[in-house]
């Protein structure tokens, strides 16, 4: 799904730089609405194809247990520590820290659906959990969000996880 590039100076080819959309096949600048739709669909397929080249999502903990904690980005350290401490206490908690989001790893649905409860921890209003809900609406997600410009503290995370484990 990769086009050949017209290397500058190649005889018979014209190199074009810029963000303007090009006409499919010919590569000339295009403002045609039908070409725009075709190229948007093509770009989406190219992004989806990346899932064939990224690693499967890894888990820290059991592949199936009571609670799956989901994190991404800079939340790893505190979330990892909270999960590890709870695992040391004998709690059935696992962690999936995502490094690839668009596209998601191919085994994401399998992982998410293997747990009784899933909580997504984010230092924002919940953009990732919304994205997960769009892609896997059949899964029930809990969320813990913090938008204070401060990192998660291990104790506050553990408190949230304990609450979820106690709920029936």
C-alpha atoms as a PDB file:
ATOM      1  CA  UNK A   1       0.000   0.000   0.000  1.00  0.00           C
ATOM      2  CA  UNK A   2       3.017   2.274  -0.361  1.00  0.00           C
ATOM      3  CA  UNK A   3       3.422   4.494  -3.391  1.00  0.00           C
ATOM      4  CA  UNK A   4       6.678   4.930  -5.223  1.00  0.00           C
ATOM      5  CA  UNK A   5       8.376   8.222  -4.577  1.00  0.00           C
ATOM      6  CA  UNK A   6       9.491  10.528  -7.342  1.00  0.00           C
ATOM      7  CA  UNK A   7      13.051  11.208  -6.216  1.00  0.00           C
ATOM      8  CA  UNK A   8      14.013  14.810  -7.001  1.00  0.00           C
ATOM      9  CA  UNK A   9      15.862  15.018 -10.298  1.00  0.00           C
ATOM     10  CA  UNK A  10      14.550  11.723 -11.731  1.00  0.00           C
ATOM     11  CA  UNK A  11      14.051  12.118 -15.463  1.00  0.00           C
ATOM     12  CA  UNK A  12      10.369  12.123 -16.480  1.00  0.00           C
ATOM     13  CA  UNK A  13       9.044  12.389 -12.914  1.00  0.00           C
ATOM     14  CA  UNK A  14       7.947  15.391 -10.911  1.00  0.00           C
ATOM     15  CA  UNK A  15       8.655  15.522  -7.188  1.00  0.00           C
ATOM     16  CA  UNK A  16       5.943  17.319  -5.176  1.00  0.00           C
ATOM     17  CA  UNK A  17       6.373  18.370  -1.570  1.00  0.00           C
ATOM     18  CA  UNK A  18       3.504  19.462   0.594  1.00  0.00           C
ATOM     19  CA  UNK A  19       0.368  18.433   2.366  1.00  0.00           C
ATOM     20  CA  UNK A  20      -2.022  18.923  -0.522  1.00  0.00           C
ATOM     21  CA  UNK A  21      -4.017  15.852  -1.440  1.00  0.00           C
ATOM     22  CA  UNK A  22      -2.986  14.152  -4.654  1.00  0.00           C
ATOM     23  CA  UNK A  23      -5.012  12.434  -7.353  1.00  0.00           C
ATOM     24  CA  UNK A  24      -4.906   8.663  -7.004  1.00  0.00           C
ATOM     25  CA  UNK A  25      -2.384   7.030  -9.373  1.00  0.00           C
ATOM     26  CA  UNK A  26      -1.321  10.245 -11.162  1.00  0.00           C
ATOM     27  CA  UNK A  27      -0.129  12.137  -8.064  1.00  0.00           C
ATOM     28  CA  UNK A  28      -1.160  15.591  -9.267  1.00  0.00           C
ATOM     29  CA  UNK A  29      -2.785  17.962  -6.770  1.00  0.00           C
ATOM     30  CA  UNK A  30      -6.514  17.274  -6.596  1.00  0.00           C
ATOM     31  CA  UNK A  31      -9.549  18.991  -5.091  1.00  0.00           C
ATOM     32  CA  UNK A  32     -12.013  16.447  -6.506  1.00  0.00           C
ATOM     33  CA  UNK A  33     -14.530  15.354  -3.798  1.00  0.00           C
ATOM     34  CA  UNK A  34     -14.712  11.727  -5.002  1.00  0.00           C
ATOM     35  CA  UNK A  35     -10.924  11.461  -5.013  1.00  0.00           C
ATOM     36  CA  UNK A  36     -10.878  12.934  -1.498  1.00  0.00           C
ATOM     37  CA  UNK A  37     -13.219  10.206  -0.234  1.00  0.00           C
ATOM     38  CA  UNK A  38     -11.192   7.506  -1.977  1.00  0.00           C
ATOM     39  CA  UNK A  39      -7.907   8.801  -0.535  1.00  0.00           C
ATOM     40  CA  UNK A  40      -9.350   9.097   3.006  1.00  0.00           C
ATOM     41  CA  UNK A  41     -10.528   5.481   2.839  1.00  0.00           C
ATOM     42  CA  UNK A  42      -7.129   4.456   1.481  1.00  0.00           C
ATOM     43  CA  UNK A  43      -5.284   6.252   4.311  1.00  0.00           C
ATOM     44  CA  UNK A  44      -7.526   4.557   6.893  1.00  0.00           C
ATOM     45  CA  UNK A  45      -6.677   1.127   5.443  1.00  0.00           C
ATOM     46  CA  UNK A  46      -2.968   1.978   5.570  1.00  0.00           C
ATOM     47  CA  UNK A  47      -3.227   2.844   9.273  1.00  0.00           C
ATOM     48  CA  UNK A  48      -5.206  -0.349  10.013  1.00  0.00           C
ATOM     49  CA  UNK A  49      -2.528  -2.377   8.192  1.00  0.00           C
ATOM     50  CA  UNK A  50       0.048  -1.230  10.767  1.00  0.00           C
ATOM     51  CA  UNK A  51      -1.574  -3.677  13.237  1.00  0.00           C
ATOM     52  CA  UNK A  52       0.127  -6.471  11.245  1.00  0.00           C
ATOM     53  CA  UNK A  53       3.528  -5.055  12.231  1.00  0.00           C
ATOM     54  CA  UNK A  54       3.119  -4.051  15.882  1.00  0.00           C
ATOM     55  CA  UNK A  55       3.550  -6.501  18.761  1.00  0.00           C
ATOM     56  CA  UNK A  56       0.602  -8.050  20.541  1.00  0.00           C
ATOM     57  CA  UNK A  57      -0.473  -6.376  23.754  1.00  0.00           C
ATOM     58  CA  UNK A  58       1.373  -7.748  26.791  1.00  0.00           C
ATOM     59  CA  UNK A  59      -0.062  -8.331  30.246  1.00  0.00           C
ATOM     60  CA  UNK A  60       1.573  -7.967  33.614  1.00  0.00           C
ATOM     61  CA  UNK A  61      -0.180 -10.606  35.681  1.00  0.00           C
ATOM     62  CA  UNK A  62      -2.642 -13.387  34.958  1.00  0.00           C
ATOM     63  CA  UNK A  63      -4.352 -13.642  31.587  1.00  0.00           C
ATOM     64  CA  UNK A  64      -7.720 -13.938  33.299  1.00  0.00           C
ATOM     65  CA  UNK A  65      -8.622 -12.646  36.745  1.00  0.00           C
ATOM     66  CA  UNK A  66     -10.923 -10.241  38.586  1.00  0.00           C
ATOM     67  CA  UNK A  67      -9.538  -6.873  37.533  1.00  0.00           C
ATOM     68  CA  UNK A  68      -7.650  -5.579  34.526  1.00  0.00           C
ATOM     69  CA  UNK A  69      -6.046  -2.164  34.931  1.00  0.00           C
ATOM     70  CA  UNK A  70      -5.516  -0.387  31.613  1.00  0.00           C
ATOM     71  CA  UNK A  71      -3.069   2.488  31.248  1.00  0.00           C
ATOM     72  CA  UNK A  72      -1.110   4.250  28.539  1.00  0.00           C
ATOM     73  CA  UNK A  73       1.519   6.940  28.182  1.00  0.00           C
ATOM     74  CA  UNK A  74       3.177   8.476  31.225  1.00  0.00           C
ATOM     75  CA  UNK A  75       0.946   6.725  33.765  1.00  0.00           C
ATOM     76  CA  UNK A  76       2.981   3.513  33.661  1.00  0.00           C
ATOM     77  CA  UNK A  77       5.197   3.957  36.735  1.00  0.00           C
ATOM     78  CA  UNK A  78       2.546   4.597  39.358  1.00  0.00           C
ATOM     79  CA  UNK A  79      -0.006   2.194  37.837  1.00  0.00           C
ATOM     80  CA  UNK A  80       2.608  -0.573  37.553  1.00  0.00           C
ATOM     81  CA  UNK A  81       3.684  -0.050  41.172  1.00  0.00           C
ATOM     82  CA  UNK A  82       0.078  -0.119  42.437  1.00  0.00           C
ATOM     83  CA  UNK A  83      -0.675  -3.329  40.525  1.00  0.00           C
ATOM     84  CA  UNK A  84       2.557  -5.016  41.655  1.00  0.00           C
ATOM     85  CA  UNK A  85       1.879  -4.130  45.314  1.00  0.00           C
ATOM     86  CA  UNK A  86      -1.645  -5.522  45.085  1.00  0.00           C
ATOM     87  CA  UNK A  87      -0.411  -8.686  43.372  1.00  0.00           C
ATOM     88  CA  UNK A  88       2.067  -9.127  46.248  1.00  0.00           C
ATOM     89  CA  UNK A  89      -0.933  -8.930  48.612  1.00  0.00           C
ATOM     90  CA  UNK A  90      -2.557 -11.785  46.697  1.00  0.00           C
ATOM     91  CA  UNK A  91      -5.111  -9.666  44.829  1.00  0.00           C
ATOM     92  CA  UNK A  92      -6.172 -10.879  41.395  1.00  0.00           C
ATOM     93  CA  UNK A  93      -5.162  -7.806  39.389  1.00  0.00           C
ATOM     94  CA  UNK A  94      -3.390  -7.540  36.034  1.00  0.00           C
ATOM     95  CA  UNK A  95      -2.106  -4.612  33.993  1.00  0.00           C
ATOM     96  CA  UNK A  96      -2.220  -3.846  30.273  1.00  0.00           C
ATOM     97  CA  UNK A  97      -0.152  -0.752  29.513  1.00  0.00           C
ATOM     98  CA  UNK A  98      -0.735   0.308  25.914  1.00  0.00           C
ATOM     99  CA  UNK A  99       2.064   1.668  23.773  1.00  0.00           C
ATOM    100  CA  UNK A 100       0.148   1.381  20.492  1.00  0.00           C
ATOM    101  CA  UNK A 101      -3.256   3.016  20.276  1.00  0.00           C
ATOM    102  CA  UNK A 102      -4.052   3.622  16.624  1.00  0.00           C
ATOM    103  CA  UNK A 103      -4.263   0.971  15.532  1.00  0.00           C
ATOM    104  CA  UNK A 104      -4.686  -1.115  18.651  1.00  0.00           C
ATOM    105  CA  UNK A 105      -2.799  -4.407  18.916  1.00  0.00           C
ATOM    106  CA  UNK A 106      -4.707  -7.274  17.312  1.00  0.00           C
ATOM    107  CA  UNK A 107      -5.251  -9.116  20.614  1.00  0.00           C
ATOM    108  CA  UNK A 108      -6.808  -6.140  22.442  1.00  0.00           C
ATOM    109  CA  UNK A 109     -10.399  -7.434  22.360  1.00  0.00           C
ATOM    110  CA  UNK A 110      -9.334 -10.882  23.547  1.00  0.00           C
ATOM    111  CA  UNK A 111      -7.490  -9.373  26.511  1.00  0.00           C
ATOM    112  CA  UNK A 112     -10.223  -6.936  27.518  1.00  0.00           C
ATOM    113  CA  UNK A 113     -12.951  -9.569  27.356  1.00  0.00           C
ATOM    114  CA  UNK A 114     -10.998 -12.012  29.565  1.00  0.00           C
ATOM    115  CA  UNK A 115     -11.505 -10.018  32.768  1.00  0.00           C
ATOM    116  CA  UNK A 116     -14.451  -9.587  35.116  1.00  0.00           C
ATOM    117  CA  UNK A 117     -13.793  -5.856  35.465  1.00  0.00           C
ATOM    118  CA  UNK A 118     -11.736  -3.396  33.439  1.00  0.00           C
ATOM    119  CA  UNK A 119     -10.640   0.007  34.731  1.00  0.00           C
ATOM    120  CA  UNK A 120      -8.927   2.549  32.489  1.00  0.00           C
ATOM    121  CA  UNK A 121      -6.704   5.036  34.349  1.00  0.00           C
ATOM    122  CA  UNK A 122      -5.985   8.307  32.561  1.00  0.00           C
ATOM    123  CA  UNK A 123      -4.571  11.703  33.363  1.00  0.00           C
ATOM    124  CA  UNK A 124      -7.250  13.361  31.227  1.00  0.00           C
ATOM    125  CA  UNK A 125     -11.033  13.277  30.787  1.00  0.00           C
ATOM    126  CA  UNK A 126     -11.023   9.750  29.398  1.00  0.00           C
ATOM    127  CA  UNK A 127     -10.044   9.937  25.736  1.00  0.00           C
ATOM    128  CA  UNK A 128      -8.660   6.390  25.646  1.00  0.00           C
ATOM    129  CA  UNK A 129     -11.631   4.787  27.408  1.00  0.00           C
ATOM    130  CA  UNK A 130     -13.934   6.528  24.910  1.00  0.00           C
ATOM    131  CA  UNK A 131     -11.845   5.128  22.064  1.00  0.00           C
ATOM    132  CA  UNK A 132     -12.041   1.636  23.600  1.00  0.00           C
ATOM    133  CA  UNK A 133     -15.829   1.969  23.957  1.00  0.00           C
ATOM    134  CA  UNK A 134     -16.108   2.850  20.286  1.00  0.00           C
ATOM    135  CA  UNK A 135     -14.021  -0.163  19.247  1.00  0.00           C
ATOM    136  CA  UNK A 136     -15.315  -2.686  21.805  1.00  0.00           C
ATOM    137  CA  UNK A 137     -18.744  -1.524  23.013  1.00  0.00           C
ATOM    138  CA  UNK A 138     -19.645  -4.948  24.412  1.00  0.00           C
ATOM    139  CA  UNK A 139     -17.136  -4.533  27.255  1.00  0.00           C
ATOM    140  CA  UNK A 140     -18.039  -2.616  30.417  1.00  0.00           C
ATOM    141  CA  UNK A 141     -15.350  -0.130  31.386  1.00  0.00           C
ATOM    142  CA  UNK A 142     -14.761   1.622  34.675  1.00  0.00           C
ATOM    143  CA  UNK A 143     -12.596   4.670  34.609  1.00  0.00           C
ATOM    144  CA  UNK A 144     -10.407   6.643  36.941  1.00  0.00           C
ATOM    145  CA  UNK A 145      -9.464  10.065  35.661  1.00  0.00           C
ATOM    146  CA  UNK A 146      -7.346  12.802  37.159  1.00  0.00           C
ATOM    147  CA  UNK A 147      -7.007  16.180  35.493  1.00  0.00           C
ATOM    148  CA  UNK A 148      -5.200  18.245  38.091  1.00  0.00           C
ATOM    149  CA  UNK A 149      -1.842  18.479  36.368  1.00  0.00           C
ATOM    150  CA  UNK A 150      -0.496  16.029  38.937  1.00  0.00           C
ATOM    151  CA  UNK A 151       0.569  12.409  38.471  1.00  0.00           C
ATOM    152  CA  UNK A 152      -1.286   9.448  39.920  1.00  0.00           C
ATOM    153  CA  UNK A 153      -0.213   8.468  43.414  1.00  0.00           C
ATOM    154  CA  UNK A 154       0.110   4.752  44.101  1.00  0.00           C
ATOM    155  CA  UNK A 155      -2.186   4.878  47.146  1.00  0.00           C
ATOM    156  CA  UNK A 156      -5.008   6.648  45.300  1.00  0.00           C
ATOM    157  CA  UNK A 157      -4.876   4.050  42.525  1.00  0.00           C
ATOM    158  CA  UNK A 158      -4.901   1.161  44.985  1.00  0.00           C
ATOM    159  CA  UNK A 159      -7.892   2.709  46.747  1.00  0.00           C
ATOM    160  CA  UNK A 160      -9.821   2.751  43.449  1.00  0.00           C
ATOM    161  CA  UNK A 161      -8.810  -0.816  42.631  1.00  0.00           C
ATOM    162  CA  UNK A 162      -9.836  -2.091  46.090  1.00  0.00           C
ATOM    163  CA  UNK A 163     -13.259  -0.451  45.676  1.00  0.00           C
ATOM    164  CA  UNK A 164     -13.790  -2.191  42.354  1.00  0.00           C
ATOM    165  CA  UNK A 165     -12.697  -5.558  43.706  1.00  0.00           C
ATOM    166  CA  UNK A 166     -15.198  -5.219  46.581  1.00  0.00           C
ATOM    167  CA  UNK A 167     -18.147  -4.394  44.287  1.00  0.00           C
ATOM    168  CA  UNK A 168     -20.371  -7.296  43.292  1.00  0.00           C
END
